[in-house]
Amino acid sequence: MPRVLVLNGPNLQRLGTREPDVYGTASLDDVASALAAAAPGGVEVDVRQTDDEAELIGWLHEAADSRSPVVLNPAAFTHYSYALHDAVRVVTTAGVPVVEVHLTNPAARGAFRRESVVSPVATGVIAGFGVDGYLLALDWVGKHLTAAG
């Protein structure tokens, strides 16, 4: 069964309670439920979250090795983690798509949030649509899996 890894970086386990006026009221469990419901038939959605950069990098290496497409919300790692940049490049260079997702539009926020070190090596970026951004990414990945299969 094809699998899509939905990987979430630091503080995203606090969705629903952390700045709901900015990030919305949906929890990460709500996101996982919406993704499971929207998954194309025969596609497993594996939602994970970590505050640990090394663990996130390990999951990206797993994606490259298993050829599992990735929906990635790198959260704060977006802006400074060159190690994450390199790990995403490993995945995309292997021909596996990585869609970078952000709940908010980083370009419309504080200056430090406007730079992504991940975007240049991601397959694509979806930002500013809240939880729907995850669903848009999954829809694209599902079409990619159908075309590749």
C-alpha atoms as a PDB file:
ATOM      1  CA  MET A   1       0.000   0.000   0.000  1.00  0.00           C
ATOM      2  CA  PRO A   2       1.467   3.392  -0.945  1.00  0.00           C
ATOM      3  CA  ARG A   3       2.191   5.633   2.017  1.00  0.00           C
ATOM      4  CA  VAL A   4       2.365   9.408   2.359  1.00  0.00           C
ATOM      5  CA  LEU A   5       4.387  10.741   5.268  1.00  0.00           C
ATOM      6  CA  VAL A   6       2.935  13.930   6.747  1.00  0.00           C
ATOM      7  CA  LEU A   7       5.772  15.327   8.817  1.00  0.00           C
ATOM      8  CA  ASN A   8       5.364  18.202  11.252  1.00  0.00           C
ATOM      9  CA  GLY A   9       8.049  20.185  13.014  1.00  0.00           C
ATOM     10  CA  PRO A  10       8.296  21.971  16.341  1.00  0.00           C
ATOM     11  CA  ASN A  11       5.313  23.194  18.319  1.00  0.00           C
ATOM     12  CA  LEU A  12       2.741  21.781  15.897  1.00  0.00           C
ATOM     13  CA  GLN A  13       1.522  19.390  18.597  1.00  0.00           C
ATOM     14  CA  ARG A  14       0.103  22.608  20.123  1.00  0.00           C
ATOM     15  CA  LEU A  15      -2.252  23.290  17.210  1.00  0.00           C
ATOM     16  CA  GLY A  16      -5.694  24.238  18.413  1.00  0.00           C
ATOM     17  CA  THR A  17      -4.372  25.833  21.578  1.00  0.00           C
ATOM     18  CA  ARG A  18      -1.330  27.802  20.412  1.00  0.00           C
ATOM     19  CA  GLU A  19      -2.369  31.202  19.072  1.00  0.00           C
ATOM     20  CA  PRO A  20      -5.693  30.029  17.623  1.00  0.00           C
ATOM     21  CA  ASP A  21      -6.175  33.494  16.103  1.00  0.00           C
ATOM     22  CA  VAL A  22      -3.080  32.804  13.983  1.00  0.00           C
ATOM     23  CA  TYR A  23      -3.040  29.020  13.504  1.00  0.00           C
ATOM     24  CA  GLY A  24      -6.731  28.161  13.874  1.00  0.00           C
ATOM     25  CA  THR A  25      -8.571  25.915  16.293  1.00  0.00           C
ATOM     26  CA  ALA A  26      -7.973  22.540  14.632  1.00  0.00           C
ATOM     27  CA  SER A  27      -5.636  20.220  16.534  1.00  0.00           C
ATOM     28  CA  LEU A  28      -3.004  18.034  14.911  1.00  0.00           C
ATOM     29  CA  ASP A  29      -5.344  15.090  15.602  1.00  0.00           C
ATOM     30  CA  ASP A  30      -8.028  16.957  13.632  1.00  0.00           C
ATOM     31  CA  VAL A  31      -5.553  17.388  10.768  1.00  0.00           C
ATOM     32  CA  ALA A  32      -4.713  13.666  10.877  1.00  0.00           C
ATOM     33  CA  SER A  33      -8.422  12.736  10.820  1.00  0.00           C
ATOM     34  CA  ALA A  34      -9.123  15.060   7.878  1.00  0.00           C
ATOM     35  CA  LEU A  35      -6.181  13.622   5.957  1.00  0.00           C
ATOM     36  CA  ALA A  36      -7.225  10.025   6.653  1.00  0.00           C
ATOM     37  CA  ALA A  37     -10.741  10.818   5.416  1.00  0.00           C
ATOM     38  CA  ALA A  38      -9.414  12.527   2.275  1.00  0.00           C
ATOM     39  CA  ALA A  39      -6.760   9.937   1.395  1.00  0.00           C
ATOM     40  CA  PRO A  40      -7.185   8.329  -2.009  1.00  0.00           C
ATOM     41  CA  GLY A  41      -8.249   4.679  -1.855  1.00  0.00           C
ATOM     42  CA  GLY A  42      -5.383   2.389  -1.012  1.00  0.00           C
ATOM     43  CA  VAL A  43      -3.129   5.196   0.271  1.00  0.00           C
ATOM     44  CA  GLU A  44      -1.964   5.208   3.894  1.00  0.00           C
ATOM     45  CA  VAL A  45      -1.417   8.608   5.511  1.00  0.00           C
ATOM     46  CA  ASP A  46       1.180   8.512   8.306  1.00  0.00           C
ATOM     47  CA  VAL A  47       1.065  11.754  10.339  1.00  0.00           C
ATOM     48  CA  ARG A  48       4.018  12.451  12.647  1.00  0.00           C
ATOM     49  CA  GLN A  49       5.212  15.398  14.719  1.00  0.00           C
ATOM     50  CA  THR A  50       8.478  16.125  16.461  1.00  0.00           C
ATOM     51  CA  ASP A  51      10.282  18.995  18.114  1.00  0.00           C
ATOM     52  CA  ASP A  52      13.566  17.192  17.376  1.00  0.00           C
ATOM     53  CA  GLU A  53      15.386  18.231  14.207  1.00  0.00           C
ATOM     54  CA  ALA A  54      17.378  14.995  14.071  1.00  0.00           C
ATOM     55  CA  GLU A  55      14.225  12.880  14.250  1.00  0.00           C
ATOM     56  CA  LEU A  56      12.631  14.880  11.425  1.00  0.00           C
ATOM     57  CA  ILE A  57      15.745  14.396   9.296  1.00  0.00           C
ATOM     58  CA  GLY A  58      15.656  10.649  10.015  1.00  0.00           C
ATOM     59  CA  TRP A  59      12.042  10.516   8.821  1.00  0.00           C
ATOM     60  CA  LEU A  60      13.023  12.282   5.607  1.00  0.00           C
ATOM     61  CA  HIS A  61      15.771   9.712   5.033  1.00  0.00           C
ATOM     62  CA  GLU A  62      13.142   7.012   5.622  1.00  0.00           C
ATOM     63  CA  ALA A  63      10.965   8.672   2.959  1.00  0.00           C
ATOM     64  CA  ALA A  64      13.827   8.629   0.463  1.00  0.00           C
ATOM     65  CA  ASP A  65      14.611   4.975   1.186  1.00  0.00           C
ATOM     66  CA  SER A  66      10.976   3.840   1.036  1.00  0.00           C
ATOM     67  CA  ARG A  67      10.105   6.221  -1.827  1.00  0.00           C
ATOM     68  CA  SER A  68       7.231   7.644   0.232  1.00  0.00           C
ATOM     69  CA  PRO A  69       6.011  11.101  -0.803  1.00  0.00           C
ATOM     70  CA  VAL A  70       6.139  13.734   1.927  1.00  0.00           C
ATOM     71  CA  VAL A  71       3.878  16.546   3.038  1.00  0.00           C
ATOM     72  CA  LEU A  72       6.145  18.614   5.294  1.00  0.00           C
ATOM     73  CA  ASN A  73       5.325  21.439   7.670  1.00  0.00           C
ATOM     74  CA  PRO A  74       8.810  22.271   8.912  1.00  0.00           C
ATOM     75  CA  ALA A  75       7.472  24.999  11.241  1.00  0.00           C
ATOM     76  CA  ALA A  76      10.303  27.100  12.714  1.00  0.00           C
ATOM     77  CA  PHE A  77      12.941  24.855  11.110  1.00  0.00           C
ATOM     78  CA  THR A  78      11.817  26.435   7.820  1.00  0.00           C
ATOM     79  CA  HIS A  79      13.846  29.537   8.438  1.00  0.00           C
ATOM     80  CA  TYR A  80      17.252  28.290   9.501  1.00  0.00           C
ATOM     81  CA  SER A  81      17.739  24.512   9.283  1.00  0.00           C
ATOM     82  CA  TYR A  82      20.249  23.859   6.551  1.00  0.00           C
ATOM     83  CA  ALA A  83      20.381  20.263   7.807  1.00  0.00           C
ATOM     84  CA  LEU A  84      16.661  19.990   6.987  1.00  0.00           C
ATOM     85  CA  HIS A  85      17.327  21.632   3.607  1.00  0.00           C
ATOM     86  CA  ASP A  86      19.921  18.947   2.876  1.00  0.00           C
ATOM     87  CA  ALA A  87      17.594  16.126   3.998  1.00  0.00           C
ATOM     88  CA  VAL A  88      14.748  17.404   1.791  1.00  0.00           C
ATOM     89  CA  ARG A  89      17.212  17.563  -1.096  1.00  0.00           C
ATOM     90  CA  VAL A  90      18.063  13.893  -0.481  1.00  0.00           C
ATOM     91  CA  VAL A  91      14.373  13.034  -0.885  1.00  0.00           C
ATOM     92  CA  THR A  92      13.663  15.156  -3.961  1.00  0.00           C
ATOM     93  CA  THR A  93      16.929  14.158  -5.644  1.00  0.00           C
ATOM     94  CA  ALA A  94      15.755  10.547  -5.252  1.00  0.00           C
ATOM     95  CA  GLY A  95      12.705  11.536  -7.320  1.00  0.00           C
ATOM     96  CA  VAL A  96      10.319  11.536  -4.360  1.00  0.00           C
ATOM     97  CA  PRO A  97       8.080  14.602  -4.002  1.00  0.00           C
ATOM     98  CA  VAL A  98       8.126  16.818  -0.926  1.00  0.00           C
ATOM     99  CA  VAL A  99       5.361  19.402  -0.600  1.00  0.00           C
ATOM    100  CA  GLU A 100       6.153  22.107   1.952  1.00  0.00           C
ATOM    101  CA  VAL A 101       3.031  23.265   3.806  1.00  0.00           C
ATOM    102  CA  HIS A 102       2.435  26.228   6.107  1.00  0.00           C
ATOM    103  CA  LEU A 103      -0.832  27.000   7.851  1.00  0.00           C
ATOM    104  CA  THR A 104      -0.212  30.734   7.583  1.00  0.00           C
ATOM    105  CA  ASN A 105       1.377  32.784   4.836  1.00  0.00           C
ATOM    106  CA  PRO A 106       4.950  33.308   6.079  1.00  0.00           C
ATOM    107  CA  ALA A 107       5.483  36.146   3.579  1.00  0.00           C
ATOM    108  CA  ALA A 108       2.741  38.121   5.316  1.00  0.00           C
ATOM    109  CA  ARG A 109       4.266  37.716   8.782  1.00  0.00           C
ATOM    110  CA  GLY A 110       7.422  38.860  10.581  1.00  0.00           C
ATOM    111  CA  ALA A 111      10.545  39.483   8.529  1.00  0.00           C
ATOM    112  CA  PHE A 112      12.411  36.425   9.854  1.00  0.00           C
ATOM    113  CA  ARG A 113       9.555  34.179   8.659  1.00  0.00           C
ATOM    114  CA  ARG A 114       9.838  35.320   5.046  1.00  0.00           C
ATOM    115  CA  GLU A 115      12.922  33.234   4.285  1.00  0.00           C
ATOM    116  CA  SER A 116      12.572  29.489   3.783  1.00  0.00           C
ATOM    117  CA  VAL A 117      15.688  27.396   3.431  1.00  0.00           C
ATOM    118  CA  VAL A 118      13.431  24.430   2.583  1.00  0.00           C
ATOM    119  CA  SER A 119      11.459  25.911  -0.341  1.00  0.00           C
ATOM    120  CA  PRO A 120      14.348  25.899  -2.831  1.00  0.00           C
ATOM    121  CA  VAL A 121      14.614  22.098  -2.592  1.00  0.00           C
ATOM    122  CA  ALA A 122      10.928  21.235  -2.084  1.00  0.00           C
ATOM    123  CA  THR A 123       8.832  20.066  -5.011  1.00  0.00           C
ATOM    124  CA  GLY A 124       6.246  22.744  -4.222  1.00  0.00           C
ATOM    125  CA  VAL A 125       4.935  25.007  -1.476  1.00  0.00           C
ATOM    126  CA  ILE A 126       1.389  25.592  -0.190  1.00  0.00           C
ATOM    127  CA  ALA A 127       0.942  28.373   2.348  1.00  0.00           C
ATOM    128  CA  GLY A 128      -1.755  30.455   3.930  1.00  0.00           C
ATOM    129  CA  PHE A 129      -4.763  28.133   3.631  1.00  0.00           C
ATOM    130  CA  GLY A 130      -4.795  26.751   7.175  1.00  0.00           C
ATOM    131  CA  VAL A 131      -5.567  23.049   7.509  1.00  0.00           C
ATOM    132  CA  ASP A 132      -6.800  23.033   3.910  1.00  0.00           C
ATOM    133  CA  GLY A 133      -3.151  23.377   2.867  1.00  0.00           C
ATOM    134  CA  TYR A 134      -2.506  19.824   4.071  1.00  0.00           C
ATOM    135  CA  LEU A 135      -5.511  18.602   2.092  1.00  0.00           C
ATOM    136  CA  LEU A 136      -4.368  20.438  -1.044  1.00  0.00           C
ATOM    137  CA  ALA A 137      -0.922  18.857  -0.673  1.00  0.00           C
ATOM    138  CA  LEU A 138      -2.411  15.392  -0.192  1.00  0.00           C
ATOM    139  CA  ASP A 139      -4.604  15.877  -3.265  1.00  0.00           C
ATOM    140  CA  TRP A 140      -1.540  16.754  -5.359  1.00  0.00           C
ATOM    141  CA  VAL A 141       0.459  13.849  -3.953  1.00  0.00           C
ATOM    142  CA  GLY A 142      -2.468  11.485  -4.596  1.00  0.00           C
ATOM    143  CA  LYS A 143      -2.540  12.557  -8.240  1.00  0.00           C
ATOM    144  CA  HIS A 144       1.245  12.060  -8.406  1.00  0.00           C
ATOM    145  CA  LEU A 145       0.914   8.540  -6.983  1.00  0.00           C
ATOM    146  CA  THR A 146      -1.845   7.702  -9.466  1.00  0.00           C
ATOM    147  CA  ALA A 147       0.229   8.998 -12.393  1.00  0.00           C
ATOM    148  CA  ALA A 148       3.344   7.136 -11.195  1.00  0.00           C
ATOM    149  CA  GLY A 149       1.483   3.880 -10.481  1.00  0.00           C
END
